[in-house]
Amino acid sequence: MGHMSHRRRILVLAICCMSLLIVSLDNTVLNVALPAMRRDLGASVSGMQWTIDAYALVLASLLIVAGSTADRIGRRKVFTAGLVLFTAGSVLCSLAPGLEFLIAFRMIQAVGGSMLNPVAMSIITNTFTEPKERARAIGVWGGVVGISMAAGPLIGGLLVDSVGWRSIFWVNLPVGLLALALTLRYIPESRSERPRRPDPVGQLLVMVLLGTLTYGIIEGPAAGWTSGAILGCGAAAVAALTGLVVYESRRADPLIDPRFFRSAPFSGATVLALGAFAALSGFLFLNTLYLQDVRGLDALHAGLWMLPMATLAFLCAPVSGRLLASGGPRLPLLAAGVTMTASGLLFAAFSAERSAPLMFAGYALFGIGFGLVNAPITNAAVSGMPRSQAGVAAALASTSRQAGGALGVAVIGAVLAAGTAGGGDFAAATRPAWWIITGLGLLVLVVGAATTGPWALATAARTAGELEPERAPAPVGAPPRG
């Protein structure tokens, strides 16, 4: 796709960003609607967790196989199928007669969503082949997440208060249909010259690992941490992880190539994605319930309170892309770690929710941190990897994001449910959760510092040479090979 004109490449980027917009917007809009859905459907806290986590789990489980399938049979083909499924699933969600149906239809959405983000990133990687140009494109891509964070609470609040929570799923219909028409018209087909063979055993082990781990965390407070079901989930998760490591290391063409993790930036990106998105999902989950259930705000005013966070995330994402292009990922990652940790500390140690200025500062700091962290994660995942494996590399990063999001809601929701059991005070129950979010911010800082130095960049160059010696592109900021 390198022969395309600059205008055509920008159009391809715009189409890919539209797919990210509907997936990201769907999640942020849904968070604002949770209290209204909970009242209308008579759901518990764990029921609300499942409306988020059923989607995230299916998405995380299928991202890798969607990326490798797109590399094998054609990226535009899989991307088109994803748009159709996601849009159809959105319509079904708007018609759901009960919580169980809503969760099932969210899973259909997730099957479509799994075919969008990693495949779109693979298309971008194969369209923008020059490292600095690619870094800027990824900065724009990250900015779309910021747009969804800024627009989601406002759009969700307006729709929930005026039409009802079912209308939040209608937003995806016009954007999905427009993206579908433009995809068929402007995105050329591409596939890997050396695609991977299907790996159903590895795929099944990934699904068992993510599913049992998340189910155990969500249902643990109600069922009891020492109950047979929860202990069984823990044992199944450990067995699945062990089986995945042993089985994949012996395959000639594994679902997850263990050699990817010899690159310190790639391994770091995986951990960063888990930590940053666990922090984001926990942050949104806590604040949505606090603003509406404790402060008594309606959905729109709750969305307005979170606007500083979303706006700063939107503004900082392209800044992060420019910093990436000019100096590599170290500065944006360190700044993200500092600001996310500071945000968590304001709530954990200083009870920021009791003071409007502190609460505003906490939201602003988190928005800055999240806006800076997303582009370096994506860039580290695909930089240095052969373009023939771009779909798998991007899918692994997206899987880490979704797994982090699912675990964040699961863990924070479990802590909240345990703290409020028997009528416990909401603010006191959230204190341990805020310390967890603070720790996740510190994780971003430490891992970002450890995986962006000269040693880490050298491991990325070596890994790229092992995977595809002649064609692997150098990562942004890497020393020249010679």
Protein backbone atom coordinates (compact mmCIF):
# COMPACT_ATOMS: atom_id res chain seq x y z
CA MET A 1 0.00 0.00 0.00
CA GLY A 2 3.07 2.24 0.00
CA HIS A 3 2.38 3.63 -3.51
CA MET A 4 -0.81 5.42 -2.43
CA SER A 5 -0.96 9.21 -2.62
CA HIS A 6 -0.75 11.21 0.60
CA ARG A 7 -4.43 12.18 0.28
CA ARG A 8 -5.48 8.54 -0.10
CA ARG A 9 -3.40 7.52 2.92
CA ILE A 10 -5.05 10.22 5.04
CA LEU A 11 -8.46 8.97 3.90
CA VAL A 12 -7.55 5.40 4.89
CA LEU A 13 -6.47 6.70 8.32
CA ALA A 14 -9.77 8.56 8.69
CA ILE A 15 -11.80 5.44 7.87
CA CYS A 16 -9.81 3.36 10.37
CA CYS A 17 -10.30 6.06 13.00
CA MET A 18 -14.08 5.92 12.42
CA SER A 19 -14.06 2.26 13.44
CA LEU A 20 -12.12 3.10 16.60
CA LEU A 21 -14.55 5.93 17.31
CA ILE A 22 -17.65 3.75 17.41
CA VAL A 23 -15.95 1.10 19.55
CA SER A 24 -14.51 3.64 22.02
CA LEU A 25 -17.63 5.80 22.05
CA ASP A 26 -19.74 2.75 22.80
CA ASN A 27 -17.80 2.10 26.00
CA THR A 28 -17.74 5.69 27.31
CA VAL A 29 -21.42 6.27 26.52
CA LEU A 30 -22.32 3.01 28.23
CA ASN A 31 -20.58 4.03 31.47
CA VAL A 32 -22.78 7.12 31.81
CA ALA A 33 -25.89 5.03 31.18
CA LEU A 34 -25.08 2.36 33.81
CA PRO A 35 -27.24 3.76 36.65
CA ALA A 36 -30.27 4.19 34.35
CA MET A 37 -29.81 0.68 32.96
CA ARG A 38 -29.43 -0.68 36.48
CA ARG A 39 -32.74 0.87 37.58
CA ASP A 40 -34.65 -0.10 34.44
CA LEU A 41 -33.40 -3.69 34.32
CA GLY A 42 -33.32 -4.26 38.08
CA ALA A 43 -29.64 -5.26 37.93
CA SER A 44 -27.04 -5.58 40.68
CA VAL A 45 -23.53 -4.09 40.67
CA SER A 46 -22.20 -7.39 39.32
CA GLY A 47 -24.88 -7.32 36.61
CA MET A 48 -23.62 -3.90 35.51
CA GLN A 49 -20.06 -5.22 35.59
CA TRP A 50 -21.09 -7.98 33.19
CA THR A 51 -22.56 -5.53 30.65
CA ILE A 52 -19.02 -4.13 30.38
CA ASP A 53 -16.95 -7.24 30.98
CA ALA A 54 -18.86 -9.71 28.78
CA TYR A 55 -18.06 -7.36 25.90
CA ALA A 56 -14.45 -6.86 26.97
CA LEU A 57 -13.84 -10.58 27.51
CA VAL A 58 -15.17 -11.68 24.12
CA LEU A 59 -13.26 -8.85 22.48
CA ALA A 60 -10.00 -9.72 24.26
CA SER A 61 -10.43 -13.44 23.50
CA LEU A 62 -10.90 -12.95 19.76
CA LEU A 63 -8.56 -10.05 18.96
CA ILE A 64 -5.50 -12.18 18.27
CA VAL A 65 -7.31 -14.67 16.04
CA ALA A 66 -9.01 -11.76 14.22
CA GLY A 67 -5.64 -10.11 13.59
CA SER A 68 -4.01 -13.30 12.31
CA THR A 69 -7.08 -14.17 10.21
CA ALA A 70 -6.96 -10.71 8.61
CA ASP A 71 -3.26 -11.19 7.81
CA ARG A 72 -4.17 -14.51 6.20
CA ILE A 73 -7.42 -13.96 4.24
CA GLY A 74 -7.40 -10.18 3.75
CA ARG A 75 -7.55 -7.18 6.06
CA ARG A 76 -10.30 -5.29 4.26
CA LYS A 77 -12.47 -8.42 4.18
CA VAL A 78 -12.24 -8.96 7.95
CA PHE A 79 -12.58 -5.22 8.66
CA THR A 80 -15.78 -5.08 6.60
CA ALA A 81 -17.24 -8.09 8.42
CA GLY A 82 -16.42 -6.42 11.74
CA LEU A 83 -18.28 -3.25 10.80
CA VAL A 84 -21.37 -5.25 9.81
CA LEU A 85 -21.40 -7.33 13.02
CA PHE A 86 -20.70 -4.41 15.35
CA THR A 87 -23.42 -2.27 13.81
CA ALA A 88 -25.95 -5.13 13.86
CA GLY A 89 -25.06 -5.92 17.47
CA SER A 90 -25.64 -2.28 18.42
CA VAL A 91 -29.16 -2.40 16.98
CA LEU A 92 -29.87 -5.61 18.92
CA CYS A 93 -28.60 -4.03 22.16
CA SER A 94 -31.07 -1.17 21.74
CA LEU A 95 -33.91 -3.72 21.57
CA ALA A 96 -32.78 -5.95 24.49
CA PRO A 97 -35.81 -6.92 26.67
CA GLY A 98 -33.71 -7.80 29.74
CA LEU A 99 -30.24 -7.91 31.25
CA GLU A 100 -29.42 -11.40 29.95
CA PHE A 101 -30.34 -10.41 26.38
CA LEU A 102 -28.34 -7.18 26.68
CA ILE A 103 -25.24 -9.11 27.79
CA ALA A 104 -25.69 -11.59 24.92
CA PHE A 105 -26.09 -8.81 22.34
CA ARG A 106 -23.04 -7.01 23.78
CA MET A 107 -21.11 -10.21 23.05
CA ILE A 108 -22.24 -10.02 19.39
CA GLN A 109 -20.97 -6.45 19.33
CA ALA A 110 -17.67 -7.68 20.71
CA VAL A 111 -17.24 -10.28 17.96
CA GLY A 112 -17.50 -7.44 15.45
CA GLY A 113 -15.30 -5.15 17.53
CA SER A 114 -12.55 -7.78 17.62
CA MET A 115 -12.31 -7.46 13.83
CA LEU A 116 -11.98 -3.67 13.87
CA ASN A 117 -9.25 -2.14 16.04
CA PRO A 118 -6.34 -4.57 15.48
CA VAL A 119 -7.14 -4.90 11.79
CA ALA A 120 -7.41 -1.12 11.44
CA MET A 121 -4.04 -0.73 13.14
CA SER A 122 -2.57 -3.33 10.78
CA ILE A 123 -3.97 -1.38 7.82
CA ILE A 124 -2.43 1.84 9.22
CA THR A 125 0.94 0.13 9.80
CA ASN A 126 1.00 -1.11 6.21
CA THR A 127 -0.13 2.28 4.88
CA PHE A 128 2.27 4.50 6.86
CA THR A 129 5.55 2.63 6.54
CA GLU A 130 7.99 5.43 7.47
CA PRO A 131 8.52 5.36 11.30
CA LYS A 132 7.97 9.07 12.05
CA GLU A 133 4.96 9.28 9.73
CA ARG A 134 3.56 6.17 11.38
CA ALA A 135 4.10 7.67 14.85
CA ARG A 136 2.12 10.77 13.85
CA ALA A 137 -0.67 8.60 12.42
CA ILE A 138 -0.77 6.64 15.69
CA GLY A 139 -0.99 9.96 17.55
CA VAL A 140 -4.10 10.81 15.53
CA TRP A 141 -5.43 7.32 16.27
CA GLY A 142 -4.91 7.93 20.00
CA GLY A 143 -6.67 11.26 19.69
CA VAL A 144 -9.82 9.45 18.58
CA VAL A 145 -9.91 7.70 21.97
CA GLY A 146 -9.75 11.17 23.51
CA ILE A 147 -12.63 12.34 21.30
CA SER A 148 -14.73 9.41 22.46
CA MET A 149 -13.90 10.20 26.09
CA ALA A 150 -14.86 13.84 25.57
CA ALA A 151 -17.99 13.25 23.51
CA GLY A 152 -19.16 10.01 25.14
CA PRO A 153 -20.28 11.37 28.53
CA LEU A 154 -22.04 14.35 26.94
CA ILE A 155 -23.73 12.36 24.17
CA GLY A 156 -24.63 9.61 26.63
CA GLY A 157 -25.96 12.08 29.19
CA LEU A 158 -28.11 13.91 26.63
CA LEU A 159 -29.52 10.69 25.19
CA VAL A 160 -30.17 8.99 28.54
CA ASP A 161 -31.90 12.05 30.02
CA SER A 162 -33.97 12.87 26.92
CA VAL A 163 -34.70 9.59 25.12
CA GLY A 164 -33.55 6.78 27.41
CA TRP A 165 -30.57 4.47 27.75
CA ARG A 166 -31.49 2.36 24.72
CA SER A 167 -30.75 5.30 22.42
CA ILE A 168 -27.02 5.19 23.27
CA PHE A 169 -26.64 2.25 20.90
CA TRP A 170 -28.25 4.13 18.01
CA VAL A 171 -25.15 6.37 17.74
CA ASN A 172 -23.21 3.49 16.20
CA LEU A 173 -25.63 2.98 13.31
CA PRO A 174 -24.89 6.03 11.07
CA VAL A 175 -21.14 5.98 11.79
CA GLY A 176 -20.92 2.23 11.18
CA LEU A 177 -22.82 2.42 7.89
CA LEU A 178 -20.73 5.37 6.66
CA ALA A 179 -17.48 3.60 7.58
CA LEU A 180 -18.70 0.48 5.78
CA ALA A 181 -19.46 2.37 2.56
CA LEU A 182 -16.11 4.19 2.62
CA THR A 183 -14.22 0.96 3.36
CA LEU A 184 -15.69 -0.78 0.34
CA ARG A 185 -14.84 2.22 -1.83
CA TYR A 186 -11.39 3.35 -0.66
CA ILE A 187 -9.49 0.78 1.41
CA PRO A 188 -7.47 -1.62 -0.78
CA GLU A 189 -7.19 -5.29 0.13
CA SER A 190 -3.95 -6.45 1.71
CA ARG A 191 -2.70 -9.60 3.40
CA SER A 192 0.49 -11.06 4.77
CA GLU A 193 2.90 -12.81 2.42
CA ARG A 194 3.56 -15.39 5.14
CA PRO A 195 0.37 -15.72 7.17
CA ARG A 196 0.07 -17.89 10.25
CA ARG A 197 -1.88 -21.11 10.35
CA PRO A 198 -5.00 -21.31 12.56
CA ASP A 199 -4.38 -22.30 16.19
CA PRO A 200 -7.73 -23.38 17.75
CA VAL A 201 -6.09 -24.91 20.84
CA GLY A 202 -4.25 -21.70 21.66
CA GLN A 203 -7.40 -19.69 21.04
CA LEU A 204 -9.41 -21.90 23.40
CA LEU A 205 -6.77 -21.59 26.13
CA VAL A 206 -6.81 -17.77 25.84
CA MET A 207 -10.61 -17.75 26.21
CA VAL A 208 -10.53 -20.07 29.24
CA LEU A 209 -7.81 -17.99 30.92
CA LEU A 210 -9.57 -14.64 30.50
CA GLY A 211 -13.07 -15.97 31.16
CA THR A 212 -12.35 -17.89 34.37
CA LEU A 213 -10.12 -15.16 35.80
CA THR A 214 -12.68 -12.39 35.26
CA TYR A 215 -15.66 -14.50 36.38
CA GLY A 216 -13.88 -15.41 39.60
CA ILE A 217 -13.05 -11.78 40.40
CA ILE A 218 -16.55 -10.46 39.65
CA GLU A 219 -18.51 -13.18 41.44
CA GLY A 220 -16.03 -13.67 44.33
CA PRO A 221 -17.64 -11.16 46.74
CA ALA A 222 -21.10 -12.72 46.37
CA ALA A 223 -20.13 -16.40 46.17
CA GLY A 224 -17.30 -16.24 48.72
CA TRP A 225 -13.61 -16.31 47.86
CA THR A 226 -13.19 -19.82 49.26
CA SER A 227 -16.26 -21.29 47.54
CA GLY A 228 -15.80 -24.22 45.19
CA ALA A 229 -16.84 -22.21 42.11
CA ILE A 230 -14.33 -19.40 42.73
CA LEU A 231 -11.47 -21.74 43.66
CA GLY A 232 -12.30 -23.77 40.53
CA CYS A 233 -12.08 -20.61 38.42
CA GLY A 234 -8.67 -19.86 39.90
CA ALA A 235 -7.42 -23.38 39.23
CA ALA A 236 -8.76 -23.30 35.65
CA ALA A 237 -7.07 -19.93 35.00
CA VAL A 238 -3.71 -21.22 36.27
CA ALA A 239 -4.05 -24.42 34.23
CA ALA A 240 -4.97 -22.46 31.08
CA LEU A 241 -2.01 -20.10 31.50
CA THR A 242 0.39 -23.01 32.05
CA GLY A 243 -1.02 -24.88 29.07
CA LEU A 244 -0.79 -21.77 26.88
CA VAL A 245 2.89 -21.20 27.70
CA VAL A 246 3.84 -24.87 27.19
CA TYR A 247 1.75 -25.44 24.06
CA GLU A 248 2.60 -22.20 22.25
CA SER A 249 6.34 -22.57 22.88
CA ARG A 250 6.29 -25.92 21.04
CA ARG A 251 4.31 -24.81 17.98
CA ALA A 252 6.17 -23.91 14.80
CA ASP A 253 3.50 -21.29 14.02
CA PRO A 254 1.98 -20.22 17.37
CA LEU A 255 -1.04 -18.01 17.94
CA ILE A 256 1.17 -15.87 20.17
CA ASP A 257 4.79 -15.96 19.03
CA PRO A 258 6.91 -16.07 22.22
CA ARG A 259 9.72 -14.29 20.36
CA PHE A 260 7.64 -11.09 20.38
CA PHE A 261 8.28 -10.83 24.11
CA ARG A 262 12.06 -10.81 23.65
CA SER A 263 11.53 -7.17 22.68
CA ALA A 264 11.50 -5.18 25.93
CA PRO A 265 9.40 -2.36 24.39
CA PHE A 266 6.81 -4.89 23.18
CA SER A 267 6.68 -6.68 26.55
CA GLY A 268 6.50 -3.29 28.23
CA ALA A 269 3.65 -2.24 25.95
CA THR A 270 1.70 -5.33 27.01
CA VAL A 271 2.11 -4.53 30.72
CA LEU A 272 1.45 -0.82 30.14
CA ALA A 273 -1.76 -1.57 28.25
CA LEU A 274 -2.98 -3.85 31.06
CA GLY A 275 -2.18 -1.27 33.74
CA ALA A 276 -3.34 1.88 31.97
CA PHE A 277 -6.66 0.46 30.77
CA ALA A 278 -7.37 -1.25 34.10
CA ALA A 279 -6.87 2.17 35.71
CA LEU A 280 -9.13 3.87 33.12
CA SER A 281 -11.98 1.36 33.39
CA GLY A 282 -11.82 1.40 37.20
CA PHE A 283 -11.71 5.20 37.22
CA LEU A 284 -14.76 5.53 34.98
CA PHE A 285 -16.71 2.81 36.83
CA LEU A 286 -16.13 4.39 40.25
CA ASN A 287 -16.88 7.95 39.18
CA THR A 288 -19.99 7.11 37.19
CA LEU A 289 -21.57 5.40 40.20
CA TYR A 290 -20.34 8.07 42.63
CA LEU A 291 -21.59 11.07 40.66
CA GLN A 292 -25.04 9.62 39.99
CA ASP A 293 -25.77 7.31 42.93
CA VAL A 294 -24.07 9.29 45.73
CA ARG A 295 -24.14 12.89 44.53
CA GLY A 296 -27.51 12.40 42.86
CA LEU A 297 -26.54 14.00 39.54
CA ASP A 298 -28.38 13.14 36.35
CA ALA A 299 -26.50 11.49 33.49
CA LEU A 300 -25.82 14.76 31.64
CA HIS A 301 -24.40 16.59 34.66
CA ALA A 302 -22.30 13.57 35.54
CA GLY A 303 -20.90 13.69 32.01
CA LEU A 304 -20.12 17.39 32.38
CA TRP A 305 -18.17 16.72 35.58
CA MET A 306 -15.96 14.27 33.68
CA LEU A 307 -15.45 16.63 30.73
CA PRO A 308 -12.07 18.03 31.99
CA MET A 309 -10.60 14.53 32.02
CA ALA A 310 -11.94 13.70 28.57
CA THR A 311 -10.95 17.03 27.01
CA LEU A 312 -7.38 16.82 28.26
CA ALA A 313 -7.10 13.21 27.07
CA PHE A 314 -8.21 14.40 23.63
CA LEU A 315 -5.75 17.33 23.58
CA CYS A 316 -2.78 15.35 24.89
CA ALA A 317 -3.07 12.39 22.48
CA PRO A 318 -1.75 14.23 19.38
CA VAL A 319 0.92 15.87 21.58
CA SER A 320 2.01 12.37 22.55
CA GLY A 321 2.19 11.42 18.87
CA ARG A 322 4.43 14.40 18.11
CA LEU A 323 6.68 13.60 21.08
CA LEU A 324 6.91 10.03 19.80
CA ALA A 325 7.89 11.16 16.32
CA SER A 326 10.56 13.57 17.57
CA GLY A 327 12.08 11.81 20.58
CA GLY A 328 10.61 8.36 21.12
CA PRO A 329 8.23 7.05 23.80
CA ARG A 330 10.18 7.75 27.00
CA LEU A 331 8.99 11.30 27.79
CA PRO A 332 5.25 10.73 27.18
CA LEU A 333 5.31 7.48 29.18
CA LEU A 334 7.10 9.04 32.17
CA ALA A 335 4.75 12.04 32.15
CA ALA A 336 1.75 9.71 31.91
CA GLY A 337 2.95 7.63 34.86
CA VAL A 338 3.51 10.70 37.05
CA THR A 339 0.13 12.30 36.31
CA MET A 340 -1.92 9.09 36.63
CA THR A 341 -0.23 8.29 39.96
CA ALA A 342 -0.85 11.84 41.21
CA SER A 343 -4.52 11.59 40.23
CA GLY A 344 -5.00 8.35 42.13
CA LEU A 345 -3.23 9.79 45.20
CA LEU A 346 -5.60 12.77 45.33
CA PHE A 347 -8.55 10.40 45.75
CA ALA A 348 -6.81 7.72 47.83
CA ALA A 349 -4.93 9.91 50.32
CA PHE A 350 -6.76 13.26 50.21
CA SER A 351 -10.43 12.24 49.59
CA ALA A 352 -10.63 14.44 46.49
CA GLU A 353 -14.32 13.59 45.99
CA ARG A 354 -15.15 15.77 49.03
CA SER A 355 -13.64 18.91 47.46
CA ALA A 356 -14.66 20.27 44.06
CA PRO A 357 -11.20 21.79 43.27
CA LEU A 358 -9.37 18.57 44.24
CA MET A 359 -11.85 16.47 42.32
CA PHE A 360 -11.39 18.67 39.24
CA ALA A 361 -7.61 18.40 39.60
CA GLY A 362 -7.84 14.60 39.90
CA TYR A 363 -9.92 14.37 36.74
CA ALA A 364 -7.58 16.71 34.84
CA LEU A 365 -4.43 14.83 35.87
CA PHE A 366 -5.89 11.49 34.88
CA GLY A 367 -6.98 12.89 31.51
CA ILE A 368 -3.47 14.19 30.81
CA GLY A 369 -1.92 10.84 31.75
CA PHE A 370 -4.28 8.73 29.71
CA GLY A 371 -3.97 11.05 26.72
CA LEU A 372 -0.18 10.64 26.78
CA VAL A 373 -0.01 6.89 27.38
CA ASN A 374 -2.05 5.42 24.53
CA ALA A 375 0.08 6.31 21.49
CA PRO A 376 3.37 4.98 22.98
CA ILE A 377 1.67 1.67 23.79
CA THR A 378 0.45 1.23 20.22
CA ASN A 379 3.72 2.38 18.71
CA ALA A 380 5.80 0.02 20.86
CA ALA A 381 3.57 -2.89 19.84
CA VAL A 382 3.96 -2.43 16.09
CA SER A 383 7.32 -0.65 15.74
CA GLY A 384 10.12 -3.03 14.94
CA MET A 385 7.72 -5.84 14.07
CA PRO A 386 7.64 -7.11 10.47
CA ARG A 387 4.71 -5.66 8.54
CA SER A 388 3.70 -9.22 7.63
CA GLN A 389 2.86 -9.77 11.32
CA ALA A 390 1.43 -6.32 12.01
CA GLY A 391 -2.07 -7.70 12.56
CA VAL A 392 -0.94 -10.14 15.25
CA ALA A 393 1.28 -7.56 16.98
CA ALA A 394 -1.49 -4.94 17.01
CA ALA A 395 -3.98 -7.57 18.20
CA LEU A 396 -1.75 -8.51 21.15
CA ALA A 397 -1.64 -4.86 22.24
CA SER A 398 -5.42 -4.54 21.83
CA THR A 399 -5.92 -7.78 23.76
CA SER A 400 -3.88 -6.35 26.63
CA ARG A 401 -6.02 -3.20 26.58
CA GLN A 402 -9.29 -5.11 26.68
CA ALA A 403 -8.04 -7.60 29.27
CA GLY A 404 -6.88 -4.66 31.38
CA GLY A 405 -10.28 -2.99 30.99
CA ALA A 406 -12.13 -6.16 31.98
CA LEU A 407 -9.89 -6.83 34.98
CA GLY A 408 -10.08 -3.19 36.08
CA VAL A 409 -13.88 -3.27 36.24
CA ALA A 410 -13.81 -6.73 37.81
CA VAL A 411 -11.31 -5.86 40.56
CA ILE A 412 -12.61 -2.36 41.33
CA GLY A 413 -16.21 -3.60 41.24
CA ALA A 414 -15.35 -6.49 43.57
CA VAL A 415 -13.64 -4.13 46.04
CA LEU A 416 -16.62 -1.77 45.90
CA ALA A 417 -19.16 -4.57 46.33
CA ALA A 418 -17.28 -5.93 49.34
CA GLY A 419 -17.01 -2.48 50.93
CA THR A 420 -20.68 -1.56 50.48
CA ALA A 421 -22.05 -4.97 51.55
CA GLY A 422 -24.49 -4.53 54.42
CA GLY A 423 -24.94 -0.81 53.75
CA GLY A 424 -21.29 0.32 54.06
CA ASP A 425 -20.35 3.92 53.24
CA PHE A 426 -19.60 4.38 49.52
CA ALA A 427 -16.72 6.84 49.99
CA ALA A 428 -14.99 4.61 52.54
CA ALA A 429 -15.54 1.55 50.35
CA THR A 430 -13.78 3.25 47.42
CA ARG A 431 -10.58 4.05 49.32
CA PRO A 432 -8.88 0.68 48.65
CA ALA A 433 -9.99 0.93 45.02
CA TRP A 434 -8.30 4.32 44.68
CA TRP A 435 -5.08 2.91 46.10
CA ILE A 436 -5.24 0.20 43.43
CA ILE A 437 -5.60 2.88 40.73
CA THR A 438 -2.66 4.76 42.26
CA GLY A 439 -0.57 1.60 42.08
CA LEU A 440 -1.49 1.14 38.43
CA GLY A 441 -0.29 4.68 37.69
CA LEU A 442 2.99 3.88 39.43
CA LEU A 443 3.24 0.72 37.32
CA VAL A 444 2.99 2.85 34.15
CA LEU A 445 5.82 5.07 35.43
CA VAL A 446 8.18 2.23 36.39
CA VAL A 447 7.59 0.05 33.31
CA GLY A 448 7.75 3.08 31.01
CA ALA A 449 11.15 4.01 32.44
CA ALA A 450 12.47 0.45 32.24
CA THR A 451 11.45 -0.33 28.65
CA THR A 452 12.44 2.85 26.79
CA GLY A 453 16.20 3.09 27.34
CA PRO A 454 19.05 2.08 24.95
CA TRP A 455 19.09 -1.52 26.22
CA ALA A 456 15.35 -1.92 25.60
CA LEU A 457 15.57 -0.44 22.10
CA ALA A 458 18.43 -2.79 21.28
CA THR A 459 16.28 -5.80 22.26
CA ALA A 460 13.58 -4.54 19.88
CA ALA A 461 16.09 -4.35 17.02
CA ARG A 462 17.37 -7.87 17.74
CA THR A 463 13.84 -9.26 17.93
CA ALA A 464 12.89 -7.66 14.62
CA GLY A 465 15.99 -9.20 13.03
CA GLU A 466 15.06 -12.65 14.33
CA LEU A 467 11.47 -12.41 13.10
CA GLU A 468 12.22 -11.13 9.59
CA PRO A 469 15.84 -10.08 9.08
CA GLU A 470 15.51 -8.24 5.78
CA ARG A 471 12.25 -6.35 6.11
CA ALA A 472 11.63 -5.50 9.75
CA PRO A 473 11.33 -1.71 10.21
CA ALA A 474 13.35 -0.02 12.95
CA PRO A 475 11.36 1.21 15.96
CA VAL A 476 11.04 4.95 16.53
CA GLY A 477 14.01 6.09 18.60
CA ALA A 478 16.07 2.95 17.97
CA PRO A 479 19.76 3.24 17.15
CA PRO A 480 20.63 2.64 13.49
CA ARG A 481 21.45 -0.94 12.57
CA GLY A 482 24.86 -1.55 11.24
